Amino acid sequence: MKTTIYMLRHSEPMKLNFCNSKDNLQIQNEKQILSLEGERRARILSKIKELEDVDVVISSNYVRAMATAKYIADKNNKKLIVMDDFGERKSGIRSWDELPLNFEDKQFKDENYKLPNGESRKEVAKRMLYALSCIIDQYKGKKIAIISHGTAMLFLFMTWCETKLSKSILKLTFNNKIIFEDAFFAPELFKFENKELINIENIKVNYEE
């Protein structure tokens, strides 16, 4: 019985200025909404053939992820399930000036590197993998769409893929096939099947209307 998983990075977020906000960076990050272009792309994405007849739609608890997922859920007449474990990597800082130089490179090179209140690559991959395993066990044989976040997805994929980082450009390959290189698009769609992973596919979508 084949279980098909579509894992998506959320659509394009709106650039916001939170300079007068009393929220810390984590809350600001969770509240970030989609841009008008992001809403348009999410709507187009929901109509592609790959996402027809989806049985289960799951989103992280971040607003931009739920805003992307709502189109897929509505298109397939499904209730949206929200799971915190598919949320973005927590950096652990309250302001940008607390972020160390080369923070991203250090996390890609050392799976245990993190700031005191943040998450390591290993910790993010562990919670993502656990949540994914639970979903696959619960919905065996179903077609599942999961809307998550770029860094969290990368950390999950790095548990399966061969990884190469050169001049801050990251390349992931699975079975000698490139599935990711350089930077995420928003949204970006990946497909894999079953719990015993034998293939990952990066599905390209045309957002020109």
Protein backbone atom coordinates (compact mmCIF):
# COMPACT_ATOMS: atom_id res chain seq x y z
CA MET A 1 0.00 0.00 0.00
CA LYS A 2 1.72 3.16 -1.22
CA THR A 3 1.71 6.32 0.87
CA THR A 4 2.52 9.50 -1.08
CA ILE A 5 3.87 12.58 0.68
CA TYR A 6 4.09 16.04 -0.84
CA MET A 7 6.21 18.34 1.30
CA LEU A 8 6.10 22.02 0.42
CA ARG A 9 7.88 25.12 1.49
CA HIS A 10 5.30 27.86 2.06
CA SER A 11 4.60 30.47 -0.61
CA GLU A 12 6.25 33.90 -0.80
CA PRO A 13 5.95 35.86 2.48
CA MET A 14 5.39 39.58 2.75
CA LYS A 15 8.36 41.68 3.83
CA LEU A 16 7.33 43.43 7.02
CA ASN A 17 8.91 45.99 9.31
CA PHE A 18 8.44 44.97 12.93
CA CYS A 19 10.59 47.79 14.36
CA ASN A 20 7.83 48.95 16.73
CA SER A 21 6.66 45.47 17.67
CA LYS A 22 6.97 44.22 21.25
CA ASP A 23 7.09 40.63 19.97
CA ASN A 24 10.42 38.79 19.93
CA LEU A 25 11.81 37.51 16.63
CA GLN A 26 10.31 34.06 17.04
CA ILE A 27 6.77 35.43 17.39
CA GLN A 28 7.35 37.87 14.53
CA ASN A 29 8.50 34.95 12.39
CA GLU A 30 5.43 32.88 13.25
CA LYS A 31 3.10 35.81 12.40
CA GLN A 32 4.58 36.60 8.97
CA ILE A 33 1.85 36.57 6.30
CA LEU A 34 1.95 35.91 2.55
CA SER A 35 2.47 38.67 0.03
CA LEU A 36 -0.11 39.21 -2.71
CA GLU A 37 2.22 37.34 -5.05
CA GLY A 38 2.50 34.60 -2.45
CA GLU A 39 -1.28 34.25 -2.32
CA ARG A 40 -1.38 34.05 -6.13
CA ARG A 41 1.28 31.35 -6.29
CA ALA A 42 -0.38 29.34 -3.51
CA ARG A 43 -3.66 29.43 -5.41
CA ILE A 44 -1.96 28.22 -8.63
CA LEU A 45 -0.12 25.49 -6.75
CA SER A 46 -3.34 24.13 -5.28
CA LYS A 47 -4.68 23.50 -8.79
CA ILE A 48 -1.84 21.35 -10.18
CA LYS A 49 -2.52 17.72 -11.03
CA GLU A 50 -0.08 16.35 -8.43
CA LEU A 51 -2.16 17.86 -5.62
CA GLU A 52 -5.52 16.59 -6.86
CA ASP A 53 -7.40 14.20 -4.56
CA VAL A 54 -5.18 14.85 -1.55
CA ASP A 55 -6.52 12.97 1.48
CA VAL A 56 -4.74 14.86 4.27
CA VAL A 57 -3.46 18.47 4.44
CA ILE A 58 -1.07 19.37 7.27
CA SER A 59 0.60 22.69 8.04
CA SER A 60 3.02 24.07 10.57
CA ASN A 61 1.57 26.59 13.01
CA TYR A 62 3.20 29.54 11.21
CA VAL A 63 0.75 31.92 9.51
CA ARG A 64 2.49 31.84 6.11
CA ALA A 65 2.40 28.04 6.05
CA MET A 66 -1.29 27.88 6.99
CA ALA A 67 -2.06 30.58 4.40
CA THR A 68 -0.42 28.39 1.74
CA ALA A 69 -2.09 25.21 2.96
CA LYS A 70 -5.60 26.69 3.01
CA TYR A 71 -5.80 26.65 -0.79
CA ILE A 72 -4.88 22.96 -0.99
CA ALA A 73 -7.28 22.08 1.82
CA ASP A 74 -10.15 24.05 0.27
CA LYS A 75 -9.48 22.63 -3.21
CA ASN A 76 -9.71 19.08 -1.85
CA ASN A 77 -12.51 19.85 0.64
CA LYS A 78 -10.37 18.83 3.62
CA LYS A 79 -9.94 20.26 7.09
CA LEU A 80 -6.48 21.67 7.71
CA ILE A 81 -4.45 19.88 10.40
CA VAL A 82 -1.90 22.07 12.22
CA MET A 83 1.24 20.49 13.70
CA ASP A 84 3.90 22.53 15.48
CA ASP A 85 6.61 19.95 14.74
CA PHE A 86 6.67 21.01 11.09
CA GLY A 87 7.60 24.57 12.09
CA GLU A 88 10.76 26.40 11.08
CA ARG A 89 14.11 26.03 12.82
CA LYS A 90 14.25 28.21 15.94
CA SER A 91 17.39 30.34 15.88
CA GLY A 92 17.13 31.31 19.57
CA ILE A 93 17.72 35.04 19.22
CA ARG A 94 15.55 37.97 20.28
CA SER A 95 17.10 40.50 17.87
CA TRP A 96 19.14 40.20 14.67
CA ASP A 97 22.27 41.69 16.24
CA GLU A 98 22.48 38.57 18.43
CA LEU A 99 23.04 36.32 15.40
CA PRO A 100 26.70 35.19 15.12
CA LEU A 101 28.64 35.55 11.89
CA ASN A 102 28.38 32.50 9.60
CA PHE A 103 25.57 31.07 11.72
CA GLU A 104 23.97 29.25 8.77
CA ASP A 105 27.26 27.75 7.55
CA LYS A 106 28.08 26.56 11.07
CA GLN A 107 24.74 24.75 11.35
CA PHE A 108 25.14 23.04 7.98
CA LYS A 109 28.66 21.88 8.89
CA ASP A 110 27.92 20.82 12.50
CA GLU A 111 24.63 19.08 13.22
CA ASN A 112 24.90 19.86 16.93
CA TYR A 113 25.69 23.58 16.64
CA LYS A 114 23.05 25.88 18.10
CA LEU A 115 22.56 28.99 20.18
CA PRO A 116 21.47 28.62 23.84
CA ASN A 117 17.73 29.08 23.16
CA GLY A 118 17.70 27.74 19.62
CA GLU A 119 17.63 24.39 17.80
CA SER A 120 20.45 22.44 16.22
CA ARG A 121 20.20 20.82 12.80
CA LYS A 122 20.02 17.42 14.51
CA GLU A 123 17.17 18.51 16.77
CA VAL A 124 15.13 19.96 13.90
CA ALA A 125 15.63 16.86 11.74
CA LYS A 126 14.65 14.61 14.67
CA ARG A 127 11.34 16.39 15.35
CA MET A 128 10.52 16.62 11.63
CA LEU A 129 11.29 12.94 11.07
CA TYR A 130 9.30 11.87 14.13
CA ALA A 131 6.27 13.92 13.03
CA LEU A 132 6.55 12.57 9.49
CA SER A 133 6.77 8.97 10.72
CA CYS A 134 3.68 9.45 12.89
CA ILE A 135 1.74 10.89 9.96
CA ILE A 136 2.74 8.05 7.64
CA ASP A 137 1.78 5.45 10.25
CA GLN A 138 -1.57 7.14 10.86
CA TYR A 139 -2.46 7.67 7.21
CA LYS A 140 -1.06 4.60 5.46
CA GLY A 141 -1.98 4.43 1.79
CA LYS A 142 -3.11 8.07 1.71
CA LYS A 143 -2.00 11.07 -0.29
CA ILE A 144 -0.64 13.66 2.14
CA ALA A 145 0.38 17.31 1.68
CA ILE A 146 2.60 18.86 4.36
CA ILE A 147 3.38 22.58 4.28
CA SER A 148 6.54 23.45 6.17
CA HIS A 149 9.62 25.71 5.92
CA GLY A 150 12.84 25.89 3.97
CA THR A 151 15.51 25.37 6.63
CA ALA A 152 13.51 22.75 8.53
CA MET A 153 12.93 20.81 5.29
CA LEU A 154 16.61 21.03 4.37
CA PHE A 155 17.64 19.66 7.75
CA LEU A 156 15.21 16.77 7.30
CA PHE A 157 16.41 16.03 3.75
CA MET A 158 20.04 16.08 4.91
CA THR A 159 19.32 12.91 6.92
CA TRP A 160 18.68 11.10 3.60
CA CYS A 161 20.74 12.96 1.05
CA GLU A 162 24.37 13.40 0.12
CA THR A 163 25.28 16.97 1.01
CA LYS A 164 27.80 19.35 -0.53
CA LEU A 165 28.38 22.91 0.69
CA SER A 166 30.64 25.10 -1.44
CA LYS A 167 30.96 28.89 -1.06
CA SER A 168 27.69 28.91 0.92
CA ILE A 169 25.86 27.11 -1.92
CA LEU A 170 24.24 23.90 -0.74
CA LYS A 171 23.57 20.94 -3.02
CA LEU A 172 21.59 17.85 -2.02
CA THR A 173 21.60 14.67 -4.09
CA PHE A 174 19.60 11.48 -3.64
CA ASN A 175 20.59 8.37 -5.61
CA ASN A 176 22.94 10.58 -7.68
CA LYS A 177 20.10 12.93 -8.63
CA ILE A 178 20.16 16.59 -7.60
CA ILE A 179 16.99 17.42 -5.67
CA PHE A 180 18.05 20.79 -4.29
CA GLU A 181 20.68 23.39 -5.15
CA ASP A 182 21.44 26.89 -3.89
CA ALA A 183 18.14 28.34 -2.62
CA PHE A 184 14.46 27.54 -2.16
CA PHE A 185 11.74 29.01 -4.32
CA ALA A 186 8.54 30.01 -2.55
CA PRO A 187 6.63 27.76 -2.74
CA GLU A 188 8.73 24.68 -3.59
CA LEU A 189 7.33 21.17 -3.85
CA PHE A 190 8.92 17.78 -3.15
CA LYS A 191 7.42 14.30 -3.46
CA PHE A 192 8.44 11.06 -1.81
CA GLU A 193 6.71 7.76 -1.16
CA ASN A 194 6.44 5.33 1.74
CA LYS A 195 8.39 5.20 4.98
CA GLU A 196 11.28 3.23 3.47
CA LEU A 197 12.46 6.09 1.29
CA ILE A 198 13.66 5.09 -2.19
CA ASN A 199 13.15 8.31 -4.09
CA ILE A 200 12.74 12.06 -3.66
CA GLU A 201 11.47 14.22 -6.50
CA ASN A 202 11.55 18.01 -6.79
CA ILE A 203 8.42 18.97 -8.73
CA LYS A 204 8.67 22.23 -10.66
CA VAL A 205 5.54 24.34 -11.05
CA ASN A 206 4.89 27.06 -13.64
CA TYR A 207 3.54 30.13 -11.86
CA GLU A 208 3.13 32.23 -14.99
CA GLU A 209 -0.52 32.85 -15.91
